[in-house]
Amino acid sequence: MALSHGIVSVGTTATLLSASTAGRDGQTILVQNPAGGATVYLGGTGVTTSSYGYTLDGGVAFAIDLQGGEALYGVVASSTQSVSVIRQGV
C-alpha cells in the first residue's frame, strides 16, 4: 500500500480532505490541525459549523478508516485553516 501526504486549506464551505476509491476498503486518514489553528469541523459532504461529526481544535489530530466510496470533509467558521493530512492505503 502507498502512503501520501499533503497540506489542505480548509475553507468556509465543505472542503474534501480525502476520499477512498469505490470498491477499495481500508484507507486510513490522519488529519492534524496545528497548534493555534482555527477549529475545523469534520464530517461528510454536507458538513457545516453547526452540523458536523467531529470538532478538530488547534493542536489536535484525528484518525479514521475510510471504506470504499467514503469521503472526509472539513469546514471552518471563517477564512481558511491549513491542516496536514496523511493517507495510508491509497
N, C-alpha and C. Protein backbone atom coordinates (compact mmCIF):
# COMPACT_ATOMS: atom_id res chain seq x y z
N MET A 1 0.83 -1.19 0.00
CA MET A 1 0.00 0.00 0.00
C MET A 1 0.88 1.25 0.00
N ALA A 2 0.39 2.26 -0.66
CA ALA A 2 1.14 3.51 -0.76
C ALA A 2 0.76 4.46 0.37
N LEU A 3 1.62 5.42 0.61
CA LEU A 3 1.41 6.46 1.61
C LEU A 3 1.53 7.80 0.91
N SER A 4 0.58 8.70 1.18
CA SER A 4 0.68 10.05 0.62
C SER A 4 0.42 11.06 1.73
N HIS A 5 0.85 12.27 1.49
CA HIS A 5 0.68 13.32 2.49
C HIS A 5 0.52 14.66 1.79
N GLY A 6 0.02 15.64 2.53
CA GLY A 6 -0.11 16.97 1.98
C GLY A 6 -0.74 17.92 2.96
N ILE A 7 -0.79 19.17 2.55
CA ILE A 7 -1.43 20.23 3.31
C ILE A 7 -2.71 20.60 2.55
N VAL A 8 -3.82 20.64 3.28
CA VAL A 8 -5.09 21.01 2.67
C VAL A 8 -5.58 22.29 3.33
N SER A 9 -5.96 23.27 2.51
CA SER A 9 -6.51 24.52 3.01
C SER A 9 -8.03 24.37 3.10
N VAL A 10 -8.54 24.35 4.33
CA VAL A 10 -9.96 24.16 4.58
C VAL A 10 -10.64 25.52 4.59
N GLY A 11 -11.74 25.64 3.86
CA GLY A 11 -12.45 26.90 3.76
C GLY A 11 -13.80 26.88 4.46
N THR A 12 -14.62 27.88 4.15
CA THR A 12 -15.92 28.04 4.81
C THR A 12 -17.03 27.22 4.15
N THR A 13 -16.70 26.50 3.11
CA THR A 13 -17.62 25.51 2.53
C THR A 13 -16.92 24.16 2.63
N ALA A 14 -17.69 23.08 2.60
CA ALA A 14 -17.14 21.73 2.76
C ALA A 14 -15.96 21.52 1.81
N THR A 15 -14.81 21.20 2.39
CA THR A 15 -13.56 21.00 1.65
C THR A 15 -13.15 19.55 1.76
N LEU A 16 -12.95 18.88 0.64
CA LEU A 16 -12.55 17.47 0.63
C LEU A 16 -11.16 17.31 1.21
N LEU A 17 -11.04 16.47 2.26
CA LEU A 17 -9.74 16.16 2.85
C LEU A 17 -9.18 14.87 2.28
N SER A 18 -10.06 13.89 2.04
CA SER A 18 -9.63 12.63 1.45
C SER A 18 -10.85 11.81 1.08
N ALA A 19 -10.69 10.96 0.06
CA ALA A 19 -11.75 10.05 -0.36
C ALA A 19 -11.15 8.70 -0.66
N SER A 20 -11.88 7.65 -0.33
CA SER A 20 -11.45 6.29 -0.62
C SER A 20 -12.06 5.87 -1.95
N THR A 21 -11.28 5.22 -2.77
CA THR A 21 -11.74 4.77 -4.06
C THR A 21 -12.86 3.74 -3.89
N ALA A 22 -13.92 3.88 -4.66
CA ALA A 22 -15.02 2.92 -4.59
C ALA A 22 -14.50 1.50 -4.80
N GLY A 23 -14.96 0.59 -3.96
CA GLY A 23 -14.55 -0.80 -4.07
C GLY A 23 -13.24 -1.11 -3.37
N ARG A 24 -12.63 -0.09 -2.76
CA ARG A 24 -11.36 -0.32 -2.06
C ARG A 24 -11.53 0.07 -0.60
N ASP A 25 -11.43 -0.91 0.27
CA ASP A 25 -11.60 -0.67 1.70
C ASP A 25 -10.26 -0.52 2.39
N GLY A 26 -10.28 0.14 3.55
CA GLY A 26 -9.12 0.17 4.41
C GLY A 26 -8.17 1.32 4.22
N GLN A 27 -8.65 2.50 3.82
CA GLN A 27 -7.77 3.65 3.72
C GLN A 27 -7.78 4.40 5.05
N THR A 28 -6.63 4.54 5.68
CA THR A 28 -6.53 5.25 6.95
C THR A 28 -6.11 6.69 6.68
N ILE A 29 -6.83 7.63 7.31
CA ILE A 29 -6.58 9.05 7.14
C ILE A 29 -6.24 9.64 8.50
N LEU A 30 -5.19 10.44 8.56
CA LEU A 30 -4.83 11.17 9.77
C LEU A 30 -4.82 12.66 9.41
N VAL A 31 -5.59 13.45 10.15
CA VAL A 31 -5.67 14.90 9.93
C VAL A 31 -5.16 15.58 11.19
N GLN A 32 -4.21 16.50 11.02
CA GLN A 32 -3.66 17.23 12.16
C GLN A 32 -3.87 18.73 11.95
N ASN A 33 -4.46 19.37 12.96
CA ASN A 33 -4.65 20.81 12.95
C ASN A 33 -3.53 21.40 13.81
N PRO A 34 -2.67 22.25 13.26
CA PRO A 34 -1.53 22.76 14.04
C PRO A 34 -1.96 23.54 15.27
N ALA A 35 -1.10 23.57 16.27
CA ALA A 35 -1.36 24.33 17.49
C ALA A 35 -1.66 25.77 17.13
N GLY A 36 -2.67 26.33 17.75
CA GLY A 36 -3.06 27.71 17.47
C GLY A 36 -3.98 27.85 16.28
N GLY A 37 -4.27 26.74 15.58
CA GLY A 37 -5.13 26.79 14.41
C GLY A 37 -6.59 26.98 14.76
N ALA A 38 -7.34 27.49 13.80
CA ALA A 38 -8.79 27.65 13.98
C ALA A 38 -9.45 26.28 14.04
N THR A 39 -10.56 26.19 14.73
CA THR A 39 -11.30 24.94 14.82
C THR A 39 -11.77 24.50 13.43
N VAL A 40 -11.56 23.22 13.11
CA VAL A 40 -12.02 22.62 11.87
C VAL A 40 -13.10 21.61 12.23
N TYR A 41 -14.23 21.68 11.55
CA TYR A 41 -15.33 20.76 11.79
C TYR A 41 -15.30 19.69 10.71
N LEU A 42 -15.27 18.42 11.12
CA LEU A 42 -15.14 17.29 10.20
C LEU A 42 -16.44 16.53 10.06
N GLY A 43 -16.69 16.01 8.86
CA GLY A 43 -17.87 15.21 8.62
C GLY A 43 -17.96 14.80 7.16
N GLY A 44 -19.17 14.50 6.73
CA GLY A 44 -19.42 14.11 5.35
C GLY A 44 -19.57 15.31 4.43
N THR A 45 -20.06 15.06 3.25
CA THR A 45 -20.14 16.09 2.22
C THR A 45 -20.96 17.31 2.64
N GLY A 46 -21.92 17.15 3.54
CA GLY A 46 -22.76 18.26 3.97
C GLY A 46 -22.31 18.91 5.26
N VAL A 47 -21.06 18.70 5.66
CA VAL A 47 -20.57 19.24 6.94
C VAL A 47 -20.67 20.76 6.97
N THR A 48 -21.10 21.28 8.14
CA THR A 48 -21.13 22.72 8.38
C THR A 48 -20.60 22.96 9.78
N THR A 49 -20.49 24.21 10.16
CA THR A 49 -20.00 24.53 11.50
C THR A 49 -21.05 24.23 12.58
N SER A 50 -22.27 23.95 12.19
CA SER A 50 -23.31 23.60 13.16
C SER A 50 -23.80 22.16 13.01
N SER A 51 -23.41 21.48 11.94
CA SER A 51 -23.79 20.09 11.70
C SER A 51 -22.54 19.32 11.28
N TYR A 52 -21.90 18.68 12.25
CA TYR A 52 -20.60 18.03 11.99
C TYR A 52 -20.49 16.76 12.82
N GLY A 53 -19.47 15.98 12.54
CA GLY A 53 -19.25 14.74 13.27
C GLY A 53 -18.14 14.83 14.29
N TYR A 54 -17.18 15.75 14.09
CA TYR A 54 -16.04 15.85 14.99
C TYR A 54 -15.49 17.27 14.95
N THR A 55 -15.17 17.81 16.12
CA THR A 55 -14.54 19.13 16.22
C THR A 55 -13.04 18.94 16.36
N LEU A 56 -12.26 19.46 15.42
CA LEU A 56 -10.81 19.33 15.44
C LEU A 56 -10.21 20.68 15.84
N ASP A 57 -9.91 20.82 17.14
CA ASP A 57 -9.32 22.06 17.65
C ASP A 57 -7.85 22.16 17.26
N GLY A 58 -7.28 23.34 17.37
CA GLY A 58 -5.86 23.54 17.12
C GLY A 58 -5.03 22.65 18.04
N GLY A 59 -3.98 22.04 17.49
CA GLY A 59 -3.10 21.18 18.26
C GLY A 59 -3.60 19.76 18.43
N VAL A 60 -4.66 19.40 17.71
CA VAL A 60 -5.28 18.08 17.85
C VAL A 60 -5.19 17.33 16.51
N ALA A 61 -5.13 16.00 16.58
CA ALA A 61 -5.13 15.15 15.39
C ALA A 61 -6.34 14.21 15.45
N PHE A 62 -6.77 13.72 14.30
CA PHE A 62 -7.92 12.84 14.18
C PHE A 62 -7.59 11.77 13.15
N ALA A 63 -7.88 10.51 13.47
CA ALA A 63 -7.65 9.41 12.53
C ALA A 63 -8.96 8.69 12.28
N ILE A 64 -9.13 8.22 11.04
CA ILE A 64 -10.32 7.47 10.66
C ILE A 64 -9.97 6.52 9.53
N ASP A 65 -10.64 5.37 9.52
CA ASP A 65 -10.52 4.42 8.42
C ASP A 65 -11.71 4.61 7.49
N LEU A 66 -11.43 4.92 6.22
CA LEU A 66 -12.49 5.09 5.24
C LEU A 66 -12.69 3.79 4.48
N GLN A 67 -13.92 3.46 4.23
CA GLN A 67 -14.26 2.31 3.41
C GLN A 67 -14.49 2.78 1.98
N GLY A 68 -14.60 1.86 1.06
CA GLY A 68 -14.76 2.19 -0.35
C GLY A 68 -15.88 3.18 -0.61
N GLY A 69 -15.59 4.26 -1.29
CA GLY A 69 -16.57 5.27 -1.66
C GLY A 69 -16.83 6.33 -0.61
N GLU A 70 -16.23 6.21 0.59
CA GLU A 70 -16.43 7.21 1.64
C GLU A 70 -15.46 8.38 1.47
N ALA A 71 -15.85 9.55 2.00
CA ALA A 71 -15.01 10.74 1.90
C ALA A 71 -15.11 11.53 3.20
N LEU A 72 -14.04 12.22 3.54
CA LEU A 72 -13.97 13.06 4.73
C LEU A 72 -13.81 14.52 4.30
N TYR A 73 -14.66 15.39 4.86
CA TYR A 73 -14.64 16.80 4.54
C TYR A 73 -14.41 17.61 5.80
N GLY A 74 -13.95 18.84 5.63
CA GLY A 74 -13.78 19.76 6.73
C GLY A 74 -14.29 21.14 6.35
N VAL A 75 -14.60 21.95 7.38
CA VAL A 75 -15.07 23.31 7.16
C VAL A 75 -14.65 24.15 8.36
N VAL A 76 -14.43 25.44 8.14
CA VAL A 76 -14.11 26.38 9.23
C VAL A 76 -15.15 27.50 9.23
N ALA A 77 -15.26 28.20 10.37
CA ALA A 77 -16.26 29.26 10.51
C ALA A 77 -15.94 30.49 9.67
N SER A 78 -14.64 30.83 9.54
CA SER A 78 -14.26 32.00 8.74
C SER A 78 -12.85 31.81 8.20
N SER A 79 -12.57 32.51 7.12
CA SER A 79 -11.25 32.48 6.49
C SER A 79 -10.89 31.06 6.04
N THR A 80 -9.65 30.65 6.29
CA THR A 80 -9.19 29.29 5.95
C THR A 80 -8.28 28.79 7.07
N GLN A 81 -8.10 27.47 7.10
CA GLN A 81 -7.17 26.83 8.03
C GLN A 81 -6.47 25.70 7.31
N SER A 82 -5.15 25.71 7.31
CA SER A 82 -4.38 24.63 6.71
C SER A 82 -4.23 23.49 7.69
N VAL A 83 -4.47 22.25 7.22
CA VAL A 83 -4.30 21.06 8.03
C VAL A 83 -3.37 20.11 7.30
N SER A 84 -2.66 19.31 8.07
CA SER A 84 -1.78 18.27 7.49
C SER A 84 -2.59 16.99 7.37
N VAL A 85 -2.44 16.29 6.25
CA VAL A 85 -3.18 15.05 6.00
C VAL A 85 -2.19 13.98 5.56
N ILE A 86 -2.28 12.81 6.21
CA ILE A 86 -1.51 11.63 5.78
C ILE A 86 -2.54 10.56 5.42
N ARG A 87 -2.34 9.92 4.26
CA ARG A 87 -3.25 8.88 3.78
C ARG A 87 -2.45 7.59 3.59
N GLN A 88 -2.92 6.52 4.19
CA GLN A 88 -2.31 5.21 4.02
C GLN A 88 -3.28 4.30 3.29
N GLY A 89 -2.77 3.55 2.35
CA GLY A 89 -3.61 2.64 1.61
C GLY A 89 -4.20 3.24 0.36
N VAL A 90 -3.53 4.28 -0.18
CA VAL A 90 -4.04 4.94 -1.39
C VAL A 90 -3.43 4.34 -2.63
